[in-house]
Amino acid sequence: ARTKLAQELYAESGYGADKPLGLEILYNT
């Protein structure tokens, strides 16, 4: 259920297979 909701919110945010979100994670060594 959490996975389904996450995918729905992701799509409602304007992202999907044809427009994937690109991110960068910064972390200390």
PDB file of all heavy atoms in Angstrom:
ATOM      1  N   ALA A   1       0.837  -1.211   0.000  1.00  0.00           N
ATOM      2  CA  ALA A   1       0.000   0.000   0.000  1.00  0.00           C
ATOM      3  C   ALA A   1       0.866   1.253   0.000  1.00  0.00           C
ATOM      4  O   ALA A   1       0.541   2.243  -0.674  1.00  0.00           O
ATOM      5  CB  ALA A   1      -0.930  -0.019   1.204  1.00  0.00           C
ATOM      6  N   ARG A   2       1.962   1.228   0.766  1.00  0.00           N
ATOM      7  CA  ARG A   2       2.861   2.392   0.798  1.00  0.00           C
ATOM      8  C   ARG A   2       3.523   2.598  -0.562  1.00  0.00           C
ATOM      9  O   ARG A   2       3.667   3.733  -1.037  1.00  0.00           O
ATOM     10  CB  ARG A   2       3.923   2.215   1.891  1.00  0.00           C
ATOM     11  CG  ARG A   2       3.408   2.475   3.287  1.00  0.00           C
ATOM     12  CD  ARG A   2       4.539   2.754   4.258  1.00  0.00           C
ATOM     13  NE  ARG A   2       5.462   1.641   4.394  1.00  0.00           N
ATOM     14  CZ  ARG A   2       5.380   0.721   5.341  1.00  0.00           C
ATOM     15  NH1 ARG A   2       4.406   0.783   6.248  1.00  0.00           N
ATOM     16  NH2 ARG A   2       6.271  -0.251   5.410  1.00  0.00           N
ATOM     17  N   THR A   3       3.916   1.496  -1.196  1.00  0.00           N
ATOM     18  CA  THR A   3       4.538   1.585  -2.515  1.00  0.00           C
ATOM     19  C   THR A   3       3.567   2.167  -3.539  1.00  0.00           C
ATOM     20  O   THR A   3       3.929   3.043  -4.333  1.00  0.00           O
ATOM     21  CB  THR A   3       5.010   0.195  -2.980  1.00  0.00           C
ATOM     22  OG1 THR A   3       6.008  -0.291  -2.080  1.00  0.00           O
ATOM     23  CG2 THR A   3       5.577   0.251  -4.392  1.00  0.00           C
ATOM     24  N   LYS A   4       2.329   1.691  -3.515  1.00  0.00           N
ATOM     25  CA  LYS A   4       1.309   2.186  -4.445  1.00  0.00           C
ATOM     26  C   LYS A   4       1.073   3.682  -4.237  1.00  0.00           C
ATOM     27  O   LYS A   4       0.993   4.459  -5.205  1.00  0.00           O
ATOM     28  CB  LYS A   4       0.010   1.410  -4.247  1.00  0.00           C
ATOM     29  CG  LYS A   4      -1.122   1.786  -5.206  1.00  0.00           C
ATOM     30  CD  LYS A   4      -2.315   0.846  -5.001  1.00  0.00           C
ATOM     31  CE  LYS A   4      -3.450   1.166  -5.987  1.00  0.00           C
ATOM     32  NZ  LYS A   4      -4.045   2.499  -5.711  1.00  0.00           N
ATOM     33  N   LEU A   5       0.978   4.096  -2.984  1.00  0.00           N
ATOM     34  CA  LEU A   5       0.751   5.511  -2.686  1.00  0.00           C
ATOM     35  C   LEU A   5       1.951   6.350  -3.120  1.00  0.00           C
ATOM     36  O   LEU A   5       1.779   7.447  -3.686  1.00  0.00           O
ATOM     37  CB  LEU A   5       0.490   5.693  -1.192  1.00  0.00           C
ATOM     38  CG  LEU A   5       0.242   7.125  -0.707  1.00  0.00           C
ATOM     39  CD1 LEU A   5      -0.916   7.772  -1.472  1.00  0.00           C
ATOM     40  CD2 LEU A   5      -0.022   7.146   0.794  1.00  0.00           C
ATOM     41  N   ALA A   6       3.164   5.858  -2.897  1.00  0.00           N
ATOM     42  CA  ALA A   6       4.360   6.590  -3.306  1.00  0.00           C
ATOM     43  C   ALA A   6       4.360   6.804  -4.818  1.00  0.00           C
ATOM     44  O   ALA A   6       4.670   7.903  -5.306  1.00  0.00           O
ATOM     45  CB  ALA A   6       5.614   5.818  -2.878  1.00  0.00           C
ATOM     46  N   GLN A   7       3.983   5.791  -5.574  1.00  0.00           N
ATOM     47  CA  GLN A   7       3.965   5.896  -7.032  1.00  0.00           C
ATOM     48  C   GLN A   7       2.885   6.874  -7.500  1.00  0.00           C
ATOM     49  O   GLN A   7       3.090   7.634  -8.453  1.00  0.00           O
ATOM     50  CB  GLN A   7       3.757   4.512  -7.637  1.00  0.00           C
ATOM     51  CG  GLN A   7       4.939   3.585  -7.417  1.00  0.00           C
ATOM     52  CD  GLN A   7       4.667   2.139  -7.775  1.00  0.00           C
ATOM     53  OE1 GLN A   7       3.496   1.711  -7.852  1.00  0.00           O
ATOM     54  NE2 GLN A   7       5.721   1.352  -7.993  1.00  0.00           N
ATOM     55  N   GLU A   8       1.757   6.871  -6.825  1.00  0.00           N
ATOM     56  CA  GLU A   8       0.692   7.809  -7.180  1.00  0.00           C
ATOM     57  C   GLU A   8       1.124   9.256  -6.911  1.00  0.00           C
ATOM     58  O   GLU A   8       0.902  10.148  -7.740  1.00  0.00           O
ATOM     59  CB  GLU A   8      -0.577   7.483  -6.379  1.00  0.00           C
ATOM     60  CG  GLU A   8      -1.246   6.173  -6.788  1.00  0.00           C
ATOM     61  CD  GLU A   8      -2.398   5.786  -5.868  1.00  0.00           C
ATOM     62  OE1 GLU A   8      -2.572   6.482  -4.832  1.00  0.00           O
ATOM     63  OE2 GLU A   8      -3.098   4.799  -6.160  1.00  0.00           O
ATOM     64  N   LEU A   9       1.734   9.498  -5.761  1.00  0.00           N
ATOM     65  CA  LEU A   9       2.187  10.850  -5.418  1.00  0.00           C
ATOM     66  C   LEU A   9       3.294  11.312  -6.363  1.00  0.00           C
ATOM     67  O   LEU A   9       3.362  12.485  -6.741  1.00  0.00           O
ATOM     68  CB  LEU A   9       2.684  10.874  -3.971  1.00  0.00           C
ATOM     69  CG  LEU A   9       1.609  10.699  -2.897  1.00  0.00           C
ATOM     70  CD1 LEU A   9       2.256  10.517  -1.528  1.00  0.00           C
ATOM     71  CD2 LEU A   9       0.656  11.896  -2.878  1.00  0.00           C
ATOM     72  N   TYR A  10       4.158  10.389  -6.765  1.00  0.00           N
ATOM     73  CA  TYR A  10       5.240  10.697  -7.700  1.00  0.00           C
ATOM     74  C   TYR A  10       4.657  11.136  -9.044  1.00  0.00           C
ATOM     75  O   TYR A  10       5.095  12.137  -9.641  1.00  0.00           O
ATOM     76  CB  TYR A  10       6.113   9.450  -7.857  1.00  0.00           C
ATOM     77  CG  TYR A  10       7.330   9.606  -8.726  1.00  0.00           C
ATOM     78  CD1 TYR A  10       8.408  10.387  -8.323  1.00  0.00           C
ATOM     79  CD2 TYR A  10       7.429   8.920  -9.950  1.00  0.00           C
ATOM     80  CE1 TYR A  10       9.550  10.498  -9.102  1.00  0.00           C
ATOM     81  CE2 TYR A  10       8.564   9.019 -10.742  1.00  0.00           C
ATOM     82  CZ  TYR A  10       9.626   9.814 -10.312  1.00  0.00           C
ATOM     83  OH  TYR A  10      10.758   9.912 -11.095  1.00  0.00           O
ATOM     84  N   ALA A  11       3.637  10.414  -9.508  1.00  0.00           N
ATOM     85  CA  ALA A  11       2.994  10.757 -10.779  1.00  0.00           C
ATOM     86  C   ALA A  11       2.267  12.090 -10.677  1.00  0.00           C
ATOM     87  O   ALA A  11       2.318  12.923 -11.599  1.00  0.00           O
ATOM     88  CB  ALA A  11       2.030   9.646 -11.192  1.00  0.00           C
ATOM     89  N   GLU A  12       1.581  12.333  -9.563  1.00  0.00           N
ATOM     90  CA  GLU A  12       0.868  13.594  -9.359  1.00  0.00           C
ATOM     91  C   GLU A  12       1.828  14.775  -9.274  1.00  0.00           C
ATOM     92  O   GLU A  12       1.428  15.923  -9.517  1.00  0.00           O
ATOM     93  CB  GLU A  12       0.025  13.517  -8.088  1.00  0.00           C
ATOM     94  CG  GLU A  12      -1.159  12.560  -8.192  1.00  0.00           C
ATOM     95  CD  GLU A  12      -1.867  12.353  -6.862  1.00  0.00           C
ATOM     96  OE1 GLU A  12      -1.576  13.119  -5.915  1.00  0.00           O
ATOM     97  OE2 GLU A  12      -2.685  11.426  -6.765  1.00  0.00           O
ATOM     98  N   SER A  13       3.090  14.496  -8.960  1.00  0.00           N
ATOM     99  CA  SER A  13       4.105  15.556  -8.891  1.00  0.00           C
ATOM    100  C   SER A  13       4.686  15.882 -10.259  1.00  0.00           C
ATOM    101  O   SER A  13       5.517  16.788 -10.382  1.00  0.00           O
ATOM    102  CB  SER A  13       5.239  15.130  -7.951  1.00  0.00           C
ATOM    103  OG  SER A  13       4.750  14.883  -6.650  1.00  0.00           O
ATOM    104  N   GLY A  14       4.262  15.130 -11.274  1.00  0.00           N
ATOM    105  CA  GLY A  14       4.718  15.422 -12.631  1.00  0.00           C
ATOM    106  C   GLY A  14       5.856  14.551 -13.122  1.00  0.00           C
ATOM    107  O   GLY A  14       6.489  14.865 -14.134  1.00  0.00           O
ATOM    108  N   TYR A  15       6.127  13.451 -12.434  1.00  0.00           N
ATOM    109  CA  TYR A  15       7.242  12.584 -12.819  1.00  0.00           C
ATOM    110  C   TYR A  15       6.731  11.192 -13.151  1.00  0.00           C
ATOM    111  O   TYR A  15       5.681  10.759 -12.680  1.00  0.00           O
ATOM    112  CB  TYR A  15       8.285  12.508 -11.706  1.00  0.00           C
ATOM    113  CG  TYR A  15       8.938  13.842 -11.421  1.00  0.00           C
ATOM    114  CD1 TYR A  15       8.464  14.675 -10.398  1.00  0.00           C
ATOM    115  CD2 TYR A  15      10.018  14.281 -12.182  1.00  0.00           C
ATOM    116  CE1 TYR A  15       9.050  15.903 -10.155  1.00  0.00           C
ATOM    117  CE2 TYR A  15      10.616  15.510 -11.944  1.00  0.00           C
ATOM    118  CZ  TYR A  15      10.130  16.322 -10.926  1.00  0.00           C
ATOM    119  OH  TYR A  15      10.702  17.538 -10.691  1.00  0.00           O
ATOM    120  N   GLY A  16       7.498  10.499 -13.978  1.00  0.00           N
ATOM    121  CA  GLY A  16       7.135   9.142 -14.378  1.00  0.00           C
ATOM    122  C   GLY A  16       8.225   8.534 -15.237  1.00  0.00           C
ATOM    123  O   GLY A  16       9.333   9.080 -15.343  1.00  0.00           O
ATOM    124  N   ALA A  17       7.896   7.414 -15.897  1.00  0.00           N
ATOM    125  CA  ALA A  17       8.895   6.712 -16.706  1.00  0.00           C
ATOM    126  C   ALA A  17       9.434   7.584 -17.831  1.00  0.00           C
ATOM    127  O   ALA A  17      10.615   7.507 -18.202  1.00  0.00           O
ATOM    128  CB  ALA A  17       8.288   5.432 -17.275  1.00  0.00           C
ATOM    129  N   ASP A  18       8.560   8.437 -18.408  1.00  0.00           N
ATOM    130  CA  ASP A  18       8.992   9.299 -19.505  1.00  0.00           C
ATOM    131  C   ASP A  18       9.632  10.590 -19.012  1.00  0.00           C
ATOM    132  O   ASP A  18      10.225  11.338 -19.787  1.00  0.00           O
ATOM    133  CB  ASP A  18       7.799   9.631 -20.416  1.00  0.00           C
ATOM    134  CG  ASP A  18       6.668  10.303 -19.639  1.00  0.00           C
ATOM    135  OD1 ASP A  18       6.631  10.150 -18.391  1.00  0.00           O
ATOM    136  OD2 ASP A  18       5.828  10.959 -20.285  1.00  0.00           O
ATOM    137  N   LYS A  19       9.527  10.856 -17.714  1.00  0.00           N
ATOM    138  CA  LYS A  19      10.134  12.048 -17.119  1.00  0.00           C
ATOM    139  C   LYS A  19      10.618  11.703 -15.703  1.00  0.00           C
ATOM    140  O   LYS A  19      10.049  12.109 -14.712  1.00  0.00           O
ATOM    141  CB  LYS A  19       9.132  13.202 -17.053  1.00  0.00           C
ATOM    142  CG  LYS A  19       9.738  14.506 -16.533  1.00  0.00           C
ATOM    143  CD  LYS A  19       8.681  15.581 -16.353  1.00  0.00           C
ATOM    144  CE  LYS A  19       9.274  16.827 -15.724  1.00  0.00           C
ATOM    145  NZ  LYS A  19       8.238  17.867 -15.455  1.00  0.00           N
ATOM    146  N   PRO A  20      11.721  10.937 -15.608  1.00  0.00           N
ATOM    147  CA  PRO A  20      12.214  10.535 -14.291  1.00  0.00           C
ATOM    148  C   PRO A  20      12.874  11.692 -13.549  1.00  0.00           C
ATOM    149  O   PRO A  20      13.467  12.588 -14.162  1.00  0.00           O
ATOM    150  CB  PRO A  20      13.226   9.440 -14.614  1.00  0.00           C
ATOM    151  CG  PRO A  20      13.719   9.788 -15.979  1.00  0.00           C
ATOM    152  CD  PRO A  20      12.526  10.368 -16.703  1.00  0.00           C
ATOM    153  N   LEU A  21      12.738  11.672 -12.268  1.00  0.00           N
ATOM    154  CA  LEU A  21      13.389  12.669 -11.421  1.00  0.00           C
ATOM    155  C   LEU A  21      14.869  12.334 -11.287  1.00  0.00           C
ATOM    156  O   LEU A  21      15.238  11.172 -11.112  1.00  0.00           O
ATOM    157  CB  LEU A  21      12.741  12.669 -10.029  1.00  0.00           C
ATOM    158  CG  LEU A  21      13.379  13.569  -8.956  1.00  0.00           C
ATOM    159  CD1 LEU A  21      13.203  15.042  -9.318  1.00  0.00           C
ATOM    160  CD2 LEU A  21      12.775  13.272  -7.583  1.00  0.00           C
ATOM    161  N   GLY A  22      15.722  13.343 -11.393  1.00  0.00           N
ATOM    162  CA  GLY A  22      17.152  13.167 -11.172  1.00  0.00           C
ATOM    163  C   GLY A  22      17.561  13.825  -9.863  1.00  0.00           C
ATOM    164  O   GLY A  22      17.224  14.986  -9.626  1.00  0.00           O
ATOM    165  N   LEU A  23      18.250  13.078  -9.001  1.00  0.00           N
ATOM    166  CA  LEU A  23      18.641  13.597  -7.697  1.00  0.00           C
ATOM    167  C   LEU A  23      20.110  13.291  -7.402  1.00  0.00           C
ATOM    168  O   LEU A  23      20.711  12.404  -8.009  1.00  0.00           O
ATOM    169  CB  LEU A  23      17.798  12.970  -6.578  1.00  0.00           C
ATOM    170  CG  LEU A  23      16.347  13.411  -6.438  1.00  0.00           C
ATOM    171  CD1 LEU A  23      15.706  12.676  -5.266  1.00  0.00           C
ATOM    172  CD2 LEU A  23      16.252  14.915  -6.226  1.00  0.00           C
ATOM    173  N   GLU A  24      20.648  14.022  -6.430  1.00  0.00           N
ATOM    174  CA  GLU A  24      21.986  13.746  -5.929  1.00  0.00           C
ATOM    175  C   GLU A  24      21.926  13.726  -4.404  1.00  0.00           C
ATOM    176  O   GLU A  24      21.354  14.613  -3.783  1.00  0.00           O
ATOM    177  CB  GLU A  24      22.979  14.808  -6.387  1.00  0.00           C
ATOM    178  CG  GLU A  24      24.399  14.564  -5.885  1.00  0.00           C
ATOM    179  CD  GLU A  24      25.363  15.654  -6.323  1.00  0.00           C
ATOM    180  OE1 GLU A  24      25.315  16.748  -5.719  1.00  0.00           O
ATOM    181  OE2 GLU A  24      26.159  15.405  -7.255  1.00  0.00           O
ATOM    182  N   ILE A  25      22.503  12.683  -3.809  1.00  0.00           N
ATOM    183  CA  ILE A  25      22.586  12.566  -2.358  1.00  0.00           C
ATOM    184  C   ILE A  25      23.995  12.958  -1.927  1.00  0.00           C
ATOM    185  O   ILE A  25      24.981  12.397  -2.408  1.00  0.00           O
ATOM    186  CB  ILE A  25      22.298  11.135  -1.869  1.00  0.00           C
ATOM    187  CG1 ILE A  25      20.872  10.713  -2.231  1.00  0.00           C
ATOM    188  CG2 ILE A  25      22.513  11.025  -0.363  1.00  0.00           C
ATOM    189  CD1 ILE A  25      20.583   9.253  -1.911  1.00  0.00           C
ATOM    190  N   LEU A  26      24.087  13.919  -1.027  1.00  0.00           N
ATOM    191  CA  LEU A  26      25.367  14.321  -0.448  1.00  0.00           C
ATOM    192  C   LEU A  26      25.514  13.666   0.922  1.00  0.00           C
ATOM    193  O   LEU A  26      24.583  13.684   1.731  1.00  0.00           O
ATOM    194  CB  LEU A  26      25.421  15.848  -0.288  1.00  0.00           C
ATOM    195  CG  LEU A  26      26.583  16.411   0.547  1.00  0.00           C
ATOM    196  CD1 LEU A  26      27.924  16.121  -0.126  1.00  0.00           C
ATOM    197  CD2 LEU A  26      26.393  17.909   0.780  1.00  0.00           C
ATOM    198  N   TYR A  27      26.682  13.068   1.175  1.00  0.00           N
ATOM    199  CA  TYR A  27      26.930  12.491   2.495  1.00  0.00           C
ATOM    200  C   TYR A  27      28.396  12.704   2.863  1.00  0.00           C
ATOM    201  O   TYR A  27      29.255  12.822   1.991  1.00  0.00           O
ATOM    202  CB  TYR A  27      26.580  10.998   2.538  1.00  0.00           C
ATOM    203  CG  TYR A  27      27.401  10.118   1.617  1.00  0.00           C
ATOM    204  CD1 TYR A  27      28.565   9.495   2.060  1.00  0.00           C
ATOM    205  CD2 TYR A  27      27.005   9.902   0.291  1.00  0.00           C
ATOM    206  CE1 TYR A  27      29.312   8.679   1.227  1.00  0.00           C
ATOM    207  CE2 TYR A  27      27.750   9.090  -0.550  1.00  0.00           C
ATOM    208  CZ  TYR A  27      28.898   8.483  -0.079  1.00  0.00           C
ATOM    209  OH  TYR A  27      29.643   7.692  -0.919  1.00  0.00           O
ATOM    210  N   ASN A  28      28.676  12.792   4.151  1.00  0.00           N
ATOM    211  CA  ASN A  28      30.062  12.906   4.586  1.00  0.00           C
ATOM    212  C   ASN A  28      30.720  11.532   4.548  1.00  0.00           C
ATOM    213  O   ASN A  28      30.091  10.501   4.763  1.00  0.00           O
ATOM    214  CB  ASN A  28      30.167  13.516   5.988  1.00  0.00           C
ATOM    215  CG  ASN A  28      29.411  12.739   7.036  1.00  0.00           C
ATOM    216  OD1 ASN A  28      28.193  12.664   6.980  1.00  0.00           O
ATOM    217  ND2 ASN A  28      30.119  12.165   8.002  1.00  0.00           N
ATOM    218  N   THR A  29      32.016  11.530   4.250  1.00  0.00           N
ATOM    219  CA  THR A  29      32.757  10.302   4.023  1.00  0.00           C
ATOM    220  C   THR A  29      32.618   9.332   5.189  1.00  0.00           C
ATOM    221  O   THR A  29      32.940   9.648   6.330  1.00  0.00           O
ATOM    222  CB  THR A  29      34.251  10.615   3.801  1.00  0.00           C
ATOM    223  OG1 THR A  29      34.373  11.512   2.693  1.00  0.00           O
ATOM    224  CG2 THR A  29      35.028   9.340   3.502  1.00  0.00           C
TER     225      THR A  29
END
